[in-house]
Amino acid sequence: MSQESMNPEITSDDKLWAMLGYVFPIIAIVVLFMEDKKNRPYIKFNAVQSLVATVVLSILATVTFGCGSILFLVLFWWAYQAYQGQDVRVPMISDFIRNQGWA
């Protein structure tokens, strides 16, 4: 299933920063402190989403005594989607972030 891009004005720089936020969560934190990056909707949404997803996956891995850590591989799939400029949809998390107005 192909997902459409959030915005036709997404640059290759936006895609790169969004992808790096999923692979390295510290990059997502740095992005939120950079004025020029956090003003870009695609980068900001993916940075916030990657942080929330990382926290949720970390909690899940802890509760399952490490067995849930295999789910961290899905972050690479989301990183790939972000690099393609697609609207990355994480179940429950994407809607939660939009409803809270975080991105």
N, C-alpha and C. Protein backbone atom coordinates (compact mmCIF):
# COMPACT_ATOMS: atom_id res chain seq x y z
N MET A 1 0.84 -1.17 0.00
CA MET A 1 0.00 0.00 0.00
C MET A 1 0.89 1.24 0.00
N SER A 2 0.70 2.10 -0.93
CA SER A 2 1.48 3.32 -1.04
C SER A 2 0.83 4.42 -0.22
N GLN A 3 1.65 5.13 0.53
CA GLN A 3 1.15 6.24 1.31
C GLN A 3 1.59 7.53 0.65
N GLU A 4 0.70 8.50 0.63
CA GLU A 4 1.00 9.78 0.01
C GLU A 4 1.85 10.64 0.94
N SER A 5 2.61 11.53 0.35
CA SER A 5 3.43 12.46 1.09
C SER A 5 2.55 13.46 1.84
N MET A 6 3.01 13.89 3.01
CA MET A 6 2.26 14.87 3.79
C MET A 6 2.22 16.22 3.08
N ASN A 7 3.27 16.57 2.39
CA ASN A 7 3.40 17.89 1.80
C ASN A 7 4.25 17.77 0.54
N PRO A 8 3.81 18.34 -0.56
CA PRO A 8 4.63 18.25 -1.78
C PRO A 8 5.91 19.07 -1.70
N GLU A 9 6.06 19.92 -0.70
CA GLU A 9 7.24 20.76 -0.58
C GLU A 9 8.31 20.16 0.33
N ILE A 10 8.27 18.87 0.54
CA ILE A 10 9.26 18.21 1.39
C ILE A 10 10.57 18.12 0.62
N THR A 11 11.63 18.63 1.23
CA THR A 11 12.93 18.63 0.58
C THR A 11 13.70 17.36 0.96
N SER A 12 14.79 17.12 0.26
CA SER A 12 15.62 15.96 0.58
C SER A 12 16.26 16.13 1.96
N ASP A 13 16.51 17.37 2.36
CA ASP A 13 17.03 17.64 3.70
C ASP A 13 16.00 17.26 4.76
N ASP A 14 14.74 17.57 4.51
CA ASP A 14 13.65 17.18 5.43
C ASP A 14 13.61 15.67 5.58
N LYS A 15 13.70 14.97 4.48
CA LYS A 15 13.64 13.51 4.50
C LYS A 15 14.81 12.92 5.29
N LEU A 16 15.98 13.49 5.09
CA LEU A 16 17.18 12.99 5.79
C LEU A 16 17.05 13.18 7.29
N TRP A 17 16.67 14.37 7.73
CA TRP A 17 16.52 14.64 9.16
C TRP A 17 15.44 13.77 9.78
N ALA A 18 14.34 13.57 9.06
CA ALA A 18 13.26 12.72 9.57
C ALA A 18 13.75 11.28 9.73
N MET A 19 14.48 10.79 8.75
CA MET A 19 15.00 9.42 8.83
C MET A 19 15.98 9.27 9.99
N LEU A 20 16.89 10.22 10.14
CA LEU A 20 17.88 10.13 11.21
C LEU A 20 17.24 10.16 12.59
N GLY A 21 16.09 10.83 12.71
CA GLY A 21 15.39 10.87 13.98
C GLY A 21 14.90 9.50 14.42
N TYR A 22 14.54 8.65 13.47
CA TYR A 22 14.10 7.29 13.81
C TYR A 22 15.28 6.39 14.14
N VAL A 23 16.37 6.53 13.40
CA VAL A 23 17.53 5.66 13.60
C VAL A 23 18.28 6.05 14.88
N PHE A 24 18.43 7.35 15.11
CA PHE A 24 19.14 7.86 16.29
C PHE A 24 18.22 8.83 17.03
N PRO A 25 17.53 8.38 18.06
CA PRO A 25 16.58 9.26 18.76
C PRO A 25 17.19 10.55 19.30
N ILE A 26 18.49 10.55 19.56
CA ILE A 26 19.13 11.79 20.04
C ILE A 26 19.05 12.87 18.96
N ILE A 27 19.07 12.46 17.70
CA ILE A 27 18.93 13.42 16.59
C ILE A 27 17.56 14.08 16.65
N ALA A 28 16.53 13.30 16.98
CA ALA A 28 15.18 13.86 17.09
C ALA A 28 15.12 14.93 18.17
N ILE A 29 15.82 14.71 19.27
CA ILE A 29 15.86 15.70 20.34
C ILE A 29 16.58 16.96 19.86
N VAL A 30 17.70 16.78 19.19
CA VAL A 30 18.47 17.91 18.67
C VAL A 30 17.64 18.72 17.68
N VAL A 31 16.89 18.04 16.82
CA VAL A 31 16.05 18.70 15.82
C VAL A 31 15.05 19.63 16.50
N LEU A 32 14.49 19.20 17.61
CA LEU A 32 13.49 20.01 18.30
C LEU A 32 14.07 21.27 18.94
N PHE A 33 15.40 21.34 19.05
CA PHE A 33 16.05 22.54 19.57
C PHE A 33 16.59 23.44 18.45
N MET A 34 16.60 22.97 17.23
CA MET A 34 17.09 23.76 16.10
C MET A 34 15.91 24.52 15.49
N GLU A 35 15.98 25.84 15.54
CA GLU A 35 14.86 26.68 15.08
C GLU A 35 14.47 26.42 13.63
N ASP A 36 15.46 26.34 12.74
CA ASP A 36 15.14 26.16 11.33
C ASP A 36 14.55 24.78 11.04
N LYS A 37 14.90 23.79 11.82
CA LYS A 37 14.39 22.43 11.59
C LYS A 37 13.01 22.22 12.21
N LYS A 38 12.81 22.74 13.42
CA LYS A 38 11.53 22.50 14.08
C LYS A 38 10.41 23.32 13.45
N ASN A 39 10.74 24.27 12.60
CA ASN A 39 9.71 25.03 11.88
C ASN A 39 9.25 24.31 10.62
N ARG A 40 9.91 23.23 10.27
CA ARG A 40 9.51 22.41 9.12
C ARG A 40 8.56 21.34 9.62
N PRO A 41 7.28 21.34 9.19
CA PRO A 41 6.28 20.42 9.74
C PRO A 41 6.65 18.94 9.60
N TYR A 42 7.22 18.56 8.46
CA TYR A 42 7.56 17.15 8.24
C TYR A 42 8.63 16.68 9.22
N ILE A 43 9.65 17.51 9.41
CA ILE A 43 10.73 17.15 10.32
C ILE A 43 10.22 17.10 11.76
N LYS A 44 9.46 18.11 12.16
CA LYS A 44 8.98 18.18 13.53
C LYS A 44 8.06 17.00 13.86
N PHE A 45 7.12 16.70 12.96
CA PHE A 45 6.20 15.60 13.22
C PHE A 45 6.96 14.28 13.37
N ASN A 46 7.88 14.02 12.48
CA ASN A 46 8.63 12.76 12.55
C ASN A 46 9.56 12.71 13.76
N ALA A 47 10.11 13.86 14.16
CA ALA A 47 10.97 13.88 15.36
C ALA A 47 10.15 13.54 16.61
N VAL A 48 9.00 14.18 16.75
CA VAL A 48 8.15 13.92 17.91
C VAL A 48 7.65 12.48 17.88
N GLN A 49 7.23 12.03 16.70
CA GLN A 49 6.72 10.67 16.58
C GLN A 49 7.80 9.63 16.91
N SER A 50 9.01 9.86 16.45
CA SER A 50 10.08 8.90 16.73
C SER A 50 10.41 8.85 18.21
N LEU A 51 10.35 9.99 18.88
CA LEU A 51 10.61 10.00 20.32
C LEU A 51 9.53 9.25 21.10
N VAL A 52 8.28 9.51 20.76
CA VAL A 52 7.18 8.84 21.45
C VAL A 52 7.23 7.34 21.16
N ALA A 53 7.49 6.96 19.91
CA ALA A 53 7.56 5.54 19.55
C ALA A 53 8.71 4.85 20.27
N THR A 54 9.84 5.53 20.40
CA THR A 54 10.98 4.95 21.10
C THR A 54 10.66 4.73 22.58
N VAL A 55 9.99 5.69 23.20
CA VAL A 55 9.60 5.55 24.60
C VAL A 55 8.63 4.39 24.76
N VAL A 56 7.63 4.31 23.90
CA VAL A 56 6.64 3.23 23.98
C VAL A 56 7.31 1.87 23.77
N LEU A 57 8.19 1.77 22.78
CA LEU A 57 8.88 0.51 22.53
C LEU A 57 9.81 0.14 23.68
N SER A 58 10.42 1.14 24.30
CA SER A 58 11.30 0.87 25.45
C SER A 58 10.50 0.32 26.62
N ILE A 59 9.35 0.91 26.87
CA ILE A 59 8.49 0.42 27.95
C ILE A 59 8.03 -1.00 27.65
N LEU A 60 7.64 -1.24 26.42
CA LEU A 60 7.20 -2.58 26.02
C LEU A 60 8.31 -3.61 26.17
N ALA A 61 9.53 -3.23 25.78
CA ALA A 61 10.66 -4.15 25.91
C ALA A 61 10.97 -4.43 27.38
N THR A 62 10.81 -3.43 28.24
CA THR A 62 11.06 -3.62 29.67
C THR A 62 10.01 -4.53 30.29
N VAL A 63 8.75 -4.29 29.95
CA VAL A 63 7.66 -5.08 30.52
C VAL A 63 7.75 -6.55 30.11
N THR A 64 8.22 -6.79 28.89
CA THR A 64 8.32 -8.17 28.40
C THR A 64 9.70 -8.77 28.67
N PHE A 65 10.46 -8.15 29.57
CA PHE A 65 11.79 -8.63 29.96
C PHE A 65 12.72 -8.79 28.76
N GLY A 66 12.66 -7.86 27.84
CA GLY A 66 13.56 -7.85 26.69
C GLY A 66 13.03 -8.55 25.46
N CYS A 67 12.01 -9.36 25.61
CA CYS A 67 11.48 -10.08 24.44
C CYS A 67 10.87 -9.12 23.42
N GLY A 68 10.36 -8.01 23.88
CA GLY A 68 9.75 -7.03 22.98
C GLY A 68 10.76 -6.15 22.27
N SER A 69 12.05 -6.31 22.60
CA SER A 69 13.07 -5.47 21.98
C SER A 69 13.20 -5.73 20.48
N ILE A 70 12.73 -6.86 20.01
CA ILE A 70 12.76 -7.15 18.57
C ILE A 70 11.91 -6.13 17.80
N LEU A 71 10.96 -5.52 18.49
CA LEU A 71 10.09 -4.53 17.85
C LEU A 71 10.84 -3.26 17.45
N PHE A 72 12.04 -3.07 18.01
CA PHE A 72 12.83 -1.90 17.63
C PHE A 72 13.22 -1.94 16.15
N LEU A 73 13.16 -3.11 15.53
CA LEU A 73 13.47 -3.21 14.10
C LEU A 73 12.47 -2.43 13.26
N VAL A 74 11.27 -2.24 13.78
CA VAL A 74 10.27 -1.50 13.04
C VAL A 74 10.68 -0.03 12.88
N LEU A 75 11.55 0.47 13.76
CA LEU A 75 12.04 1.84 13.62
C LEU A 75 12.78 2.03 12.30
N PHE A 76 13.47 1.00 11.84
CA PHE A 76 14.18 1.10 10.56
C PHE A 76 13.20 1.17 9.39
N TRP A 77 12.08 0.48 9.51
CA TRP A 77 11.05 0.56 8.47
C TRP A 77 10.46 1.97 8.43
N TRP A 78 10.18 2.52 9.60
CA TRP A 78 9.65 3.89 9.65
C TRP A 78 10.67 4.90 9.15
N ALA A 79 11.95 4.65 9.43
CA ALA A 79 13.02 5.53 8.93
C ALA A 79 13.05 5.49 7.40
N TYR A 80 12.92 4.30 6.84
CA TYR A 80 12.89 4.16 5.38
C TYR A 80 11.70 4.92 4.78
N GLN A 81 10.53 4.79 5.40
CA GLN A 81 9.35 5.49 4.92
C GLN A 81 9.55 7.00 4.99
N ALA A 82 10.15 7.48 6.07
CA ALA A 82 10.39 8.91 6.22
C ALA A 82 11.36 9.40 5.15
N TYR A 83 12.37 8.59 4.85
CA TYR A 83 13.34 8.98 3.82
C TYR A 83 12.72 9.00 2.43
N GLN A 84 11.68 8.23 2.24
CA GLN A 84 10.96 8.23 0.96
C GLN A 84 9.98 9.40 0.88
N GLY A 85 9.80 10.14 1.97
CA GLY A 85 8.89 11.26 1.99
C GLY A 85 7.45 10.87 2.23
N GLN A 86 7.23 9.66 2.68
CA GLN A 86 5.88 9.18 2.93
C GLN A 86 5.38 9.65 4.31
N ASP A 87 4.08 9.66 4.45
CA ASP A 87 3.46 9.97 5.73
C ASP A 87 3.57 8.73 6.61
N VAL A 88 4.48 8.75 7.57
CA VAL A 88 4.72 7.60 8.43
C VAL A 88 3.59 7.51 9.44
N ARG A 89 2.87 6.39 9.40
CA ARG A 89 1.74 6.16 10.30
C ARG A 89 2.11 5.09 11.31
N VAL A 90 2.22 5.49 12.57
CA VAL A 90 2.46 4.56 13.66
C VAL A 90 1.12 4.36 14.36
N PRO A 91 0.65 3.13 14.46
CA PRO A 91 -0.66 2.90 15.08
C PRO A 91 -0.79 3.56 16.45
N MET A 92 -1.85 4.27 16.64
CA MET A 92 -2.23 4.98 17.86
C MET A 92 -1.34 6.19 18.15
N ILE A 93 -0.07 6.13 17.86
CA ILE A 93 0.85 7.21 18.21
C ILE A 93 0.66 8.41 17.28
N SER A 94 0.52 8.17 15.97
CA SER A 94 0.38 9.27 15.02
C SER A 94 -0.85 10.12 15.34
N ASP A 95 -1.98 9.47 15.57
CA ASP A 95 -3.20 10.21 15.89
C ASP A 95 -3.09 10.92 17.24
N PHE A 96 -2.46 10.27 18.20
CA PHE A 96 -2.28 10.88 19.52
C PHE A 96 -1.47 12.17 19.41
N ILE A 97 -0.39 12.15 18.65
CA ILE A 97 0.47 13.33 18.49
C ILE A 97 -0.31 14.46 17.81
N ARG A 98 -1.05 14.13 16.78
CA ARG A 98 -1.83 15.16 16.08
C ARG A 98 -2.93 15.72 16.98
N ASN A 99 -3.61 14.87 17.74
CA ASN A 99 -4.67 15.34 18.63
C ASN A 99 -4.14 16.20 19.77
N GLN A 100 -2.93 15.95 20.21
CA GLN A 100 -2.32 16.74 21.28
C GLN A 100 -1.77 18.07 20.75
N GLY A 101 -1.62 18.18 19.43
CA GLY A 101 -1.08 19.40 18.84
C GLY A 101 0.43 19.50 18.97
N TRP A 102 1.10 18.38 19.15
CA TRP A 102 2.54 18.39 19.32
C TRP A 102 3.27 18.59 18.00
N ALA A 103 2.61 18.30 16.91
CA ALA A 103 3.26 18.47 15.60
C ALA A 103 2.22 18.79 14.55
